[in-house]
Amino acid sequence: MVLSVSSLGGTHWWFLLVRPERMMILMSESLLEAFRLDQPRANDLVGNPLLIAGSGGGFEAVIVVRVLAGNGQVLVQTSVTSTNLTSAWQSTVGLPEPPPTNRGVVQVGPSTGADQEPGMVSVPVFFGTAIAPGYRSYFLYTVQPGDTLSGIAAAQTPLYIGSGFGPIFEANRHVIGDDPNVINPGTVLRLPSDF
């Protein structure tokens, strides 16, 4: 039910009357609309600890953080506190070493303050330490005509820390696809490294 009250300095004020449990749902929907995850980005190759950052907040400025393995297993569930409902925030989250799958999902969302699941922003990621032991970062390589993943792996050692072409393939499946024998000139690949 909506009521209108007019004439407070010429401004109309609208009041929405809802049950308390519905109010929490409305609050969580509006919190999620103003919520943003900036890091990691979709398909990022992430390290350990996982760096997360965004903008927004939840009930009492609490942000729920969950990291899932590729099989849906919850690896980490924690929370971060921002300074208010619209502020920038950042945190680090330790992962199991190594994560059980090469791929996973980072989920973050504003806490509702209730016993209901908050709306979450979900971002698929690749776990660098599951792909290449010792992973700390990556460097970029642009595929040249005639390149193969095996040739790139051999030519880029010692900066590339993987063994064979497998880690390059796993770290770049989102751009290579399912066939490691088909790479196109001009494709930019991430090569795992330890610097």
C-alpha atoms as a PDB file:
ATOM      1  CA  MET A   1       0.000   0.000   0.000  1.00  0.00           C
ATOM      2  CA  VAL A   2       1.322   3.450  -0.905  1.00  0.00           C
ATOM      3  CA  LEU A   3       0.267   6.642   0.871  1.00  0.00           C
ATOM      4  CA  SER A   4       1.018  10.151  -0.340  1.00  0.00           C
ATOM      5  CA  VAL A   5       1.501  13.055   2.045  1.00  0.00           C
ATOM      6  CA  SER A   6       1.809  16.421   0.371  1.00  0.00           C
ATOM      7  CA  SER A   7       2.828  19.879   1.352  1.00  0.00           C
ATOM      8  CA  LEU A   8       5.957  19.767   3.401  1.00  0.00           C
ATOM      9  CA  GLY A   9       7.670  22.769   1.854  1.00  0.00           C
ATOM     10  CA  GLY A  10       5.782  22.028  -1.367  1.00  0.00           C
ATOM     11  CA  THR A  11       7.361  18.543  -1.651  1.00  0.00           C
ATOM     12  CA  HIS A  12       5.318  15.364  -1.931  1.00  0.00           C
ATOM     13  CA  TRP A  13       6.509  12.568   0.327  1.00  0.00           C
ATOM     14  CA  TRP A  14       5.601   8.981  -0.526  1.00  0.00           C
ATOM     15  CA  PHE A  15       5.482   6.279   2.092  1.00  0.00           C
ATOM     16  CA  LEU A  16       5.508   2.597   1.300  1.00  0.00           C
ATOM     17  CA  LEU A  17       3.863   0.348   3.856  1.00  0.00           C
ATOM     18  CA  VAL A  18       5.131  -3.230   3.781  1.00  0.00           C
ATOM     19  CA  ARG A  19       5.516  -6.131   6.172  1.00  0.00           C
ATOM     20  CA  PRO A  20       8.898  -6.176   8.010  1.00  0.00           C
ATOM     21  CA  GLU A  21      10.128  -9.305   6.170  1.00  0.00           C
ATOM     22  CA  ARG A  22       9.336  -7.682   2.800  1.00  0.00           C
ATOM     23  CA  MET A  23      11.154  -4.505   3.915  1.00  0.00           C
ATOM     24  CA  MET A  24      14.383  -6.542   4.272  1.00  0.00           C
ATOM     25  CA  ILE A  25      13.944  -7.871   0.728  1.00  0.00           C
ATOM     26  CA  LEU A  26      13.366  -4.357  -0.642  1.00  0.00           C
ATOM     27  CA  MET A  27      16.385  -3.096   1.296  1.00  0.00           C
ATOM     28  CA  SER A  28      18.637  -5.881  -0.014  1.00  0.00           C
ATOM     29  CA  GLU A  29      17.487  -5.291  -3.618  1.00  0.00           C
ATOM     30  CA  SER A  30      18.314  -1.584  -3.368  1.00  0.00           C
ATOM     31  CA  LEU A  31      21.670  -2.332  -1.724  1.00  0.00           C
ATOM     32  CA  LEU A  32      22.594  -4.693  -4.551  1.00  0.00           C
ATOM     33  CA  GLU A  33      21.710  -2.067  -7.185  1.00  0.00           C
ATOM     34  CA  ALA A  34      24.349   0.293  -5.711  1.00  0.00           C
ATOM     35  CA  PHE A  35      26.884  -2.504  -5.149  1.00  0.00           C
ATOM     36  CA  ARG A  36      29.898  -3.012  -7.454  1.00  0.00           C
ATOM     37  CA  LEU A  37      32.784  -5.503  -7.635  1.00  0.00           C
ATOM     38  CA  ASP A  38      35.876  -4.051  -9.352  1.00  0.00           C
ATOM     39  CA  GLN A  39      38.472  -6.721  -8.561  1.00  0.00           C
ATOM     40  CA  PRO A  40      38.724  -9.473  -9.592  1.00  0.00           C
ATOM     41  CA  ARG A  41      37.282  -9.094 -13.076  1.00  0.00           C
ATOM     42  CA  ALA A  42      35.632 -11.942 -14.956  1.00  0.00           C
ATOM     43  CA  ASN A  43      38.162 -14.662 -15.867  1.00  0.00           C
ATOM     44  CA  ASP A  44      41.034 -13.030 -13.956  1.00  0.00           C
ATOM     45  CA  LEU A  45      43.983 -15.241 -13.081  1.00  0.00           C
ATOM     46  CA  VAL A  46      44.122 -14.728  -9.306  1.00  0.00           C
ATOM     47  CA  GLY A  47      46.762 -15.460  -6.719  1.00  0.00           C
ATOM     48  CA  ASN A  48      46.813 -16.289  -3.043  1.00  0.00           C
ATOM     49  CA  PRO A  49      45.883 -14.222  -1.166  1.00  0.00           C
ATOM     50  CA  LEU A  50      42.989 -13.206  -3.384  1.00  0.00           C
ATOM     51  CA  LEU A  51      42.667  -9.420  -3.673  1.00  0.00           C
ATOM     52  CA  ILE A  52      39.095  -8.108  -3.808  1.00  0.00           C
ATOM     53  CA  ALA A  53      37.800  -4.557  -4.128  1.00  0.00           C
ATOM     54  CA  GLY A  54      34.597  -2.767  -4.935  1.00  0.00           C
ATOM     55  CA  SER A  55      32.115  -0.144  -3.894  1.00  0.00           C
ATOM     56  CA  GLY A  56      28.966  -0.290  -1.796  1.00  0.00           C
ATOM     57  CA  GLY A  57      27.992  -1.848   1.476  1.00  0.00           C
ATOM     58  CA  GLY A  58      25.344  -3.819   3.253  1.00  0.00           C
ATOM     59  CA  PHE A  59      23.452  -3.876   6.528  1.00  0.00           C
ATOM     60  CA  GLU A  60      25.735  -2.129   9.027  1.00  0.00           C
ATOM     61  CA  ALA A  61      28.211  -1.745   6.116  1.00  0.00           C
ATOM     62  CA  VAL A  62      28.969  -5.501   6.067  1.00  0.00           C
ATOM     63  CA  ILE A  63      29.852  -7.214   2.787  1.00  0.00           C
ATOM     64  CA  VAL A  64      29.577 -10.995   2.447  1.00  0.00           C
ATOM     65  CA  VAL A  65      32.481 -12.679   0.608  1.00  0.00           C
ATOM     66  CA  ARG A  66      32.421 -16.259  -0.642  1.00  0.00           C
ATOM     67  CA  VAL A  67      34.920 -18.125  -2.848  1.00  0.00           C
ATOM     68  CA  LEU A  68      33.763 -21.316  -4.554  1.00  0.00           C
ATOM     69  CA  ALA A  69      35.768 -24.017  -6.290  1.00  0.00           C
ATOM     70  CA  GLY A  70      34.756 -24.969  -9.820  1.00  0.00           C
ATOM     71  CA  ASN A  71      32.703 -27.844  -8.426  1.00  0.00           C
ATOM     72  CA  GLY A  72      30.638 -25.484  -6.222  1.00  0.00           C
ATOM     73  CA  GLN A  73      32.455 -26.338  -2.970  1.00  0.00           C
ATOM     74  CA  VAL A  74      32.724 -23.322  -0.649  1.00  0.00           C
ATOM     75  CA  LEU A  75      36.450 -22.681  -0.122  1.00  0.00           C
ATOM     76  CA  VAL A  76      36.146 -19.510   1.954  1.00  0.00           C
ATOM     77  CA  GLN A  77      33.245 -17.586   3.444  1.00  0.00           C
ATOM     78  CA  THR A  78      33.941 -14.388   5.317  1.00  0.00           C
ATOM     79  CA  SER A  79      32.860 -10.753   5.536  1.00  0.00           C
ATOM     80  CA  VAL A  80      34.377  -7.334   5.023  1.00  0.00           C
ATOM     81  CA  THR A  81      33.244  -4.092   6.614  1.00  0.00           C
ATOM     82  CA  SER A  82      33.072  -0.919   4.568  1.00  0.00           C
ATOM     83  CA  THR A  83      32.766   2.524   6.113  1.00  0.00           C
ATOM     84  CA  ASN A  84      29.201   3.086   4.871  1.00  0.00           C
ATOM     85  CA  LEU A  85      26.671   1.985   2.252  1.00  0.00           C
ATOM     86  CA  THR A  86      28.376   3.729  -0.674  1.00  0.00           C
ATOM     87  CA  SER A  87      32.091   3.661   0.104  1.00  0.00           C
ATOM     88  CA  ALA A  88      34.940   1.928  -1.689  1.00  0.00           C
ATOM     89  CA  TRP A  89      36.316  -1.168   0.072  1.00  0.00           C
ATOM     90  CA  GLN A  90      39.095  -3.694  -0.390  1.00  0.00           C
ATOM     91  CA  SER A  91      40.367  -6.802   1.318  1.00  0.00           C
ATOM     92  CA  THR A  92      42.511  -9.890   0.931  1.00  0.00           C
ATOM     93  CA  VAL A  93      41.175 -13.410   1.325  1.00  0.00           C
ATOM     94  CA  GLY A  94      43.436 -16.397   1.956  1.00  0.00           C
ATOM     95  CA  LEU A  95      42.673 -19.476  -0.145  1.00  0.00           C
ATOM     96  CA  PRO A  96      43.472 -23.123   0.555  1.00  0.00           C
ATOM     97  CA  GLU A  97      46.828 -23.996  -0.997  1.00  0.00           C
ATOM     98  CA  PRO A  98      46.429 -25.098  -3.697  1.00  0.00           C
ATOM     99  CA  PRO A  99      42.727 -24.695  -4.492  1.00  0.00           C
ATOM    100  CA  PRO A 100      41.146 -28.043  -5.493  1.00  0.00           C
ATOM    101  CA  THR A 101      40.155 -26.863  -8.987  1.00  0.00           C
ATOM    102  CA  ASN A 102      41.698 -24.564 -11.613  1.00  0.00           C
ATOM    103  CA  ARG A 103      38.527 -22.520 -11.930  1.00  0.00           C
ATOM    104  CA  GLY A 104      36.260 -20.979  -9.352  1.00  0.00           C
ATOM    105  CA  VAL A 105      33.838 -18.193  -8.567  1.00  0.00           C
ATOM    106  CA  VAL A 106      34.175 -15.156  -6.313  1.00  0.00           C
ATOM    107  CA  GLN A 107      30.860 -14.010  -4.871  1.00  0.00           C
ATOM    108  CA  VAL A 108      30.348 -10.785  -2.953  1.00  0.00           C
ATOM    109  CA  GLY A 109      27.231  -8.991  -1.890  1.00  0.00           C
ATOM    110  CA  PRO A 110      25.718  -6.651   0.663  1.00  0.00           C
ATOM    111  CA  SER A 111      24.658  -8.245   3.935  1.00  0.00           C
ATOM    112  CA  THR A 112      20.919  -8.005   4.551  1.00  0.00           C
ATOM    113  CA  GLY A 113      21.176  -8.245   8.317  1.00  0.00           C
ATOM    114  CA  ALA A 114      18.569 -11.011   8.177  1.00  0.00           C
ATOM    115  CA  ASP A 115      18.634 -14.782   7.935  1.00  0.00           C
ATOM    116  CA  GLN A 116      18.132 -14.621   4.193  1.00  0.00           C
ATOM    117  CA  GLU A 117      20.751 -15.145   1.505  1.00  0.00           C
ATOM    118  CA  PRO A 118      21.991 -11.796   0.175  1.00  0.00           C
ATOM    119  CA  GLY A 119      21.952 -11.016  -3.520  1.00  0.00           C
ATOM    120  CA  MET A 120      25.465 -11.738  -4.778  1.00  0.00           C
ATOM    121  CA  VAL A 121      27.665 -10.513  -7.603  1.00  0.00           C
ATOM    122  CA  SER A 122      29.429 -13.593  -9.028  1.00  0.00           C
ATOM    123  CA  VAL A 123      32.664 -13.482 -11.029  1.00  0.00           C
ATOM    124  CA  PRO A 124      34.359 -16.538 -12.587  1.00  0.00           C
ATOM    125  CA  VAL A 125      38.122 -16.722 -11.930  1.00  0.00           C
ATOM    126  CA  PHE A 126      41.119 -18.963 -12.585  1.00  0.00           C
ATOM    127  CA  PHE A 127      43.216 -19.978  -9.532  1.00  0.00           C
ATOM    128  CA  GLY A 128      46.865 -19.373 -10.439  1.00  0.00           C
ATOM    129  CA  THR A 129      48.307 -21.571  -7.662  1.00  0.00           C
ATOM    130  CA  ALA A 130      46.182 -24.522  -8.812  1.00  0.00           C
ATOM    131  CA  ILE A 131      47.440 -24.046 -12.373  1.00  0.00           C
ATOM    132  CA  ALA A 132      51.155 -23.483 -11.643  1.00  0.00           C
ATOM    133  CA  PRO A 133      52.770 -24.150  -8.246  1.00  0.00           C
ATOM    134  CA  GLY A 134      54.621 -21.027  -7.090  1.00  0.00           C
ATOM    135  CA  TYR A 135      52.304 -18.716  -9.040  1.00  0.00           C
ATOM    136  CA  ARG A 136      52.435 -15.058  -7.947  1.00  0.00           C
ATOM    137  CA  SER A 137      51.599 -13.127 -11.115  1.00  0.00           C
ATOM    138  CA  TYR A 138      51.547 -13.417 -14.881  1.00  0.00           C
ATOM    139  CA  PHE A 139      53.005 -11.690 -17.899  1.00  0.00           C
ATOM    140  CA  LEU A 140      51.408 -11.212 -21.294  1.00  0.00           C
ATOM    141  CA  TYR A 141      52.482 -12.821 -24.540  1.00  0.00           C
ATOM    142  CA  THR A 142      50.980 -12.058 -27.970  1.00  0.00           C
ATOM    143  CA  VAL A 143      50.700 -15.133 -30.204  1.00  0.00           C
ATOM    144  CA  GLN A 144      52.749 -14.858 -33.420  1.00  0.00           C
ATOM    145  CA  PRO A 145      52.124 -16.763 -36.690  1.00  0.00           C
ATOM    146  CA  GLY A 146      53.458 -20.316 -36.337  1.00  0.00           C
ATOM    147  CA  ASP A 147      53.430 -20.308 -32.507  1.00  0.00           C
ATOM    148  CA  THR A 148      52.352 -23.351 -30.528  1.00  0.00           C
ATOM    149  CA  LEU A 149      51.680 -23.481 -26.800  1.00  0.00           C
ATOM    150  CA  SER A 150      54.622 -25.898 -26.376  1.00  0.00           C
ATOM    151  CA  GLY A 151      56.918 -23.549 -28.295  1.00  0.00           C
ATOM    152  CA  ILE A 152      55.784 -20.546 -26.260  1.00  0.00           C
ATOM    153  CA  ALA A 153      56.369 -22.470 -23.007  1.00  0.00           C
ATOM    154  CA  ALA A 154      59.907 -23.430 -24.041  1.00  0.00           C
ATOM    155  CA  ALA A 155      60.811 -19.966 -25.362  1.00  0.00           C
ATOM    156  CA  GLN A 156      59.504 -18.058 -22.325  1.00  0.00           C
ATOM    157  CA  THR A 157      61.338 -20.042 -19.642  1.00  0.00           C
ATOM    158  CA  PRO A 158      62.603 -18.967 -17.041  1.00  0.00           C
ATOM    159  CA  LEU A 159      59.968 -16.198 -16.707  1.00  0.00           C
ATOM    160  CA  TYR A 160      57.256 -18.772 -17.384  1.00  0.00           C
ATOM    161  CA  ILE A 161      57.136 -21.123 -14.367  1.00  0.00           C
ATOM    162  CA  GLY A 162      54.839 -23.814 -15.689  1.00  0.00           C
ATOM    163  CA  SER A 163      55.837 -27.258 -16.853  1.00  0.00           C
ATOM    164  CA  GLY A 164      55.017 -27.726 -20.537  1.00  0.00           C
ATOM    165  CA  PHE A 165      52.076 -26.074 -22.270  1.00  0.00           C
ATOM    166  CA  GLY A 166      49.375 -27.234 -19.798  1.00  0.00           C
ATOM    167  CA  PRO A 167      49.479 -24.255 -17.414  1.00  0.00           C
ATOM    168  CA  ILE A 168      49.356 -21.778 -20.312  1.00  0.00           C
ATOM    169  CA  PHE A 169      46.356 -23.622 -21.740  1.00  0.00           C
ATOM    170  CA  GLU A 170      44.551 -23.762 -18.363  1.00  0.00           C
ATOM    171  CA  ALA A 171      45.205 -20.077 -17.614  1.00  0.00           C
ATOM    172  CA  ASN A 172      43.784 -19.038 -20.989  1.00  0.00           C
ATOM    173  CA  ARG A 173      40.890 -21.414 -21.717  1.00  0.00           C
ATOM    174  CA  HIS A 174      38.518 -18.460 -21.899  1.00  0.00           C
ATOM    175  CA  VAL A 175      40.377 -17.152 -24.984  1.00  0.00           C
ATOM    176  CA  ILE A 176      41.766 -20.407 -26.453  1.00  0.00           C
ATOM    177  CA  GLY A 177      38.725 -22.639 -26.091  1.00  0.00           C
ATOM    178  CA  ASP A 178      38.893 -26.413 -25.654  1.00  0.00           C
ATOM    179  CA  ASP A 179      41.590 -27.239 -28.227  1.00  0.00           C
ATOM    180  CA  PRO A 180      45.176 -26.361 -27.179  1.00  0.00           C
ATOM    181  CA  ASN A 181      46.348 -26.971 -30.762  1.00  0.00           C
ATOM    182  CA  VAL A 182      44.341 -24.030 -32.116  1.00  0.00           C
ATOM    183  CA  ILE A 183      45.713 -20.614 -31.167  1.00  0.00           C
ATOM    184  CA  ASN A 184      45.323 -17.566 -33.341  1.00  0.00           C
ATOM    185  CA  PRO A 185      47.970 -14.931 -34.079  1.00  0.00           C
ATOM    186  CA  GLY A 186      47.259 -11.735 -32.179  1.00  0.00           C
ATOM    187  CA  THR A 187      45.698 -13.546 -29.204  1.00  0.00           C
ATOM    188  CA  VAL A 188      47.085 -12.221 -25.927  1.00  0.00           C
ATOM    189  CA  LEU A 189      47.913 -15.001 -23.459  1.00  0.00           C
ATOM    190  CA  ARG A 190      48.666 -14.876 -19.729  1.00  0.00           C
ATOM    191  CA  LEU A 191      51.775 -16.844 -18.775  1.00  0.00           C
ATOM    192  CA  PRO A 192      52.065 -17.780 -15.084  1.00  0.00           C
ATOM    193  CA  SER A 193      55.133 -16.436 -13.320  1.00  0.00           C
ATOM    194  CA  ASP A 194      56.570 -16.052  -9.822  1.00  0.00           C
ATOM    195  CA  PHE A 195      57.730 -12.412  -9.904  1.00  0.00           C
END
